[in-house]
Amino acid sequence: MFFLSRSRLLALSCSVACFAPTVSVAQDTQSVFAIPAQKLTSALTAFSRQTGLHVAFDGKVADTLRSAPLYGKMDNFKALHKLVGKNSFKIDASNPNFITLRTQKTKGSHTTEANSEDNLTVQGHRRELRTKRNFAGVVDSMVYDDLSNLGGATSIAQMLTQLPGVTGIRNGDEPRYISVRGVSSDLNQTTLDGITLASISDGGSIRRRVNLQNIPAEMTGEDSIYKTFTAEQDGGAIGADIEMHSRSAFDHKGLYKYINAYGIYGTEKGSAGANRIKGMSPHFGQGAKVVFSDRFGKDKEFGIVTSFRYQQRTRNTTKKWQQDSYNYYDANGKVLKPNDPSTPGWNGMTAPRYVDGGSYSNTLSTLGGATRLEWHPKNTGLTASLMGYAYQRWEDSFMEHNEYLLDEAPAYKLNGKTHYINPAVIDQTPTSGREYIYRARTIGRKDNWKMNTNGVLGDLGWHDNISTLKLRAGYTWEDYFDHEPYVAARAYPNESPDSAVLADYTIDKNNVANLVNISDMNKLLNSGYKYQYVQQEYDRDHEGLANVRLDYTRNLKANSHGFGFATGFEWRGLNATNSSDQLWYNPGGNASSSMFIPNMKNPNGPFFDLTNFPWDKQTLDVNKSRQYTELAYFRYKEQLFDGYVSLHYKWRHSELIAGVRADAVNFNAYIPETDGSNATGNINKKNGGYINPLPSLTFVHEFPQELILHAVYSQSVGRPQPTDLAQAQQLSCGNNNDIQAGDVNCTLSRGNPNLKPREAQNFDASLDKFFNRGRAVLSVAYFNKIIKHDIYKTRSTELIDDQLTYVTQPRNSNTSTLMGVEVSFVNRNIRGPWKQSFDINASGTWMRGRMTYEGVGVSYKLHQLVEQPKYVFNGSVTWHIPQIRGAIKASFDYSAKYLEGLNDDPTQMYGYGSQPDLSIGAWHDITDDLRIKYQVSNLAGSHTRMYYGQHLNRLEAKENYGRSIYFELVYN
């Protein structure tokens, strides 16, 4: 890397082999050239494209010079000398991966470390567009840059949400997974250096979606989302092939060091630090990131790069649930019969029947690192690397949840006679009032979970001027542990004048009811709370995945023409186990002694003192505990065998690729045996498998003026989730994602070992226009997917153990379709006045899905797929200000509402509302080595909202996480 004065325009021209297995193309010694005499800037761009070498130069100087003509086959460096001639450049090839052309007058000029950021950023942007330009299909990339990425971009998931067509599937205030072009995150294929990653997803479930929240951004270099598929890529992707590439020591000439320490402030104050919850800060967090890289050996043929991450932050949340359950009164405050606004006499004002809210206090921590060793011996064509990583993410969480059923017709008994209270509502206005509490329920839950993410990856490659051969192998594994105590109690206050407890409510503009005051908290606490649920769970889940693949290519270099081919073989073995020791205690005892009145008002009501809860005084239900423990166990083993052949023919401006991949899977599912509802203690083994030939055809043509057309047809599969196949029925009450409004507080999930894999036909076409000397692109893409045997999960409501319970089970549907149009615009280094510049990255995607699924005896047609919003807008704008040696950056992403799950009753389908997210940050250098960065996440203060109904038009709940403010000090 080199440094130039900030007043100059830096141009970087570079190219790589299209999508053959990764090798070091910089070591190719000869190329065939056809470069006529022209402006030196465009000649160097052509040279870079024809050789695959990265060339950095001062574009302002090169624009004034003319190149020498260059034809025939010759040594790359000799050819570069001939091309440049005796112009005002000196060739610096000390780093053969990044050749620098230095102007003679910059030899003695002062350079600063601050200048290096500009070059790092330009190089990163060029790498993103280089990948897009050289892949025959449709791809978008993001390069992590230590100095210009802000503190909020802590994971791969957060980075990728800025790319076209990407929706962040959130976990609280951060994305955990990504949906690409409206296809569920379960249908992405995710690799690191070509090796498929093991992943345990939500709450320890074993699914194929990789938790990108667990992968620190600084561990990788370039991360790409491939939206079209060739035979070289894994066939198990309908949404996208997400390829992450680990950092390389050969990205730098020698020693590189980066240290970042930062503080975090969260604006949302929960009950942490109060209400007998110890050891949790209500607002503050901190973190550190370190990257070290160096090269050594006689010819600098060895490299080492290591990264480290620590972070602890508090994420507090308030959550409100809302059910379609209201009271309608007449002018005298008496409930209508029937209790419906269409009944004559309604006073025109709505009063809530349920008021439901919760407070969550979470401390989230991450610790871990990665190290990669590399070997690139000089003039041998060999490359090798070995990498290991280990990260741990854990959470300490308290949930305090209160729910109130407000009485529509309050009454009490005195001397055996029932007395009805009138009015039932007091001081009612359109937005407030007071009602009697008929039933109060308090829920307390504490989670202490941790997830370990680990991997060991290695590769050995060889190449010459025509062929490449690469062997890759790796083993990745994740472990999940969670201890979750859960307690629920309810009380029915006496509504006599001496004992009645009243609730003051307000109704906001979203028609969500908030309880703002309880008339007498002591009366409520002493109104006879009885345990409804008392339980503890100890979850343990493990997934290990071994992966070996061998790939060979011939005549597929960036400058190759004529016939070429790629072939390869892959084996994967997956072994996953889920177990949960569940302790269920007898309910019904007096709960008031374990409860207290908090010193906060949101949510109103008594809380459980879970820290000092008397577990030793509870009576264990031995049979129920054994039953649920046995039902929670499952094991899943899978082997995949893949082989492919891909034939390429490349003309001067066109390329045709035809290939086929054989995708073969066999699995064993070990499921607890039941006699209908109870576990027998035996384990049933179910076998299955399938093989799918997956053809693909790709055509790309480059028109004049750097206009490139891509047209792709491919077939791919969506493999069923291990939990969909192997899981026996499992009951969960009070889980964060399952708590619903009103009485529905439990979820029973069942697997389906007879599921068929999805089969997709994918049609894609895109037109890319590159300009601004390779710094900019305007892209328009159309996509259409026809998905056979689509899999969906329905949710029905059943009465189990006298408790309303959501029952979920996966099923195959009829054919689903998805089509859309995606437009993206990227332009880097747009020159402004006073030496300032701008980077713009913006995209918009429109999608339309069609799906038919079977409810209870009825077939329903939907105009949306699961996790498919109708619109997605993403992007960022960076304003570089040399006067302050810094920049200001705003990033945004927006997705329209989307389905999260289906229901046998379409009026009970559920999903997320539209989610805008705006973050703004800035940085400036205070010395040549020190930089300060600032960021505010969720600047607009948007809330997460859950809706239900066939059109997701009824609000179910809303969450508020507040804003997160980062302050960073960087040494580089």
Foldseek 3Di string as FASTA:
>chain_A
DDFDDLLFDKDKAFAFFQDFQDFQLLQFFKFFDFAAKDQQLVSVNRLRLRRRAIEIEGVVQSRVDIFHGAGGMDTSVVRVCRGCPPGQWDWDCLQSRYIYTDGPVCPPPDGFLLRVQVVQVLVQLLVQLNNQQRHQFGKGKGFDDQPPDDPVQFWPLQRCLQDFQWDFCDDAQGGFFIFGQFHDLLQEFEDESPHGAAAQDDPRHGTNRHGRVQHTNLQFGMKMWAQFDAQVDAQRHNGTYIYTYGDWLSVDSFKDKKKKKWKKFFPDFFQDVFPLHPDADRTIKIKMKIKIKGFDDPSSQKIKIKMWIKIKGKFKKKKWFDDPAWFWAAPFQATDVVRDPVGPRTPPAIGHQKTKMKIKIKMKIKTWMKMKMKGHDRPFQKIKMKMKIKMKMKMKMKMKMKMFGFDNWDWADDPRDIDIDINQWAPDDNWKTKGWTFKMKIKIKIKIKMKMKIKMKMKMKGDHPWKIKMKIKMKIKMKMKMKMWMWMKMAGWGCDPVQIKMWIWTADPQRGIATQDIPDQVSVLPRFIWTPWTKIKIKIKMKMKIKIKMKMKTQSISNGAFKIKMKMKMKMKMKMKIFMQMWTFDIGDGDSVQWDATPDVRPHHIGGSVVPDPPVPTHTPVQVRVFQRQQGIKMKIKMWIKIKMKMWHHDPFKIKIKMKMKIKMKMKIWGFDDPVRTGPPHIDIDIDIDIDIKIKIWMWGADPQRKIKIKMKIKHKNDDTSCQQHHAWHKDFQDPVQQFPDQAGMEIEHHHNPQDIKMKIKTKMKMWHADPSSQKIKMKMKMKMKIAQDKAKAWEWDQDPNGTYTYIHIGTFGIKMKIKMKIWIWGFFCADPPSKGKTKTKMKMAMWMWTWGAADNDIDIAGRDASGFRMKIWIKMWIADVVQSKIKMKTKIKGAWGWHHHHSPQQFTKTKGIDIWMKIKMKGAPGSFKMKMKMKTRVVQDWIWMAGGNVSPHTGMIMGRGMMIMIMMMGD
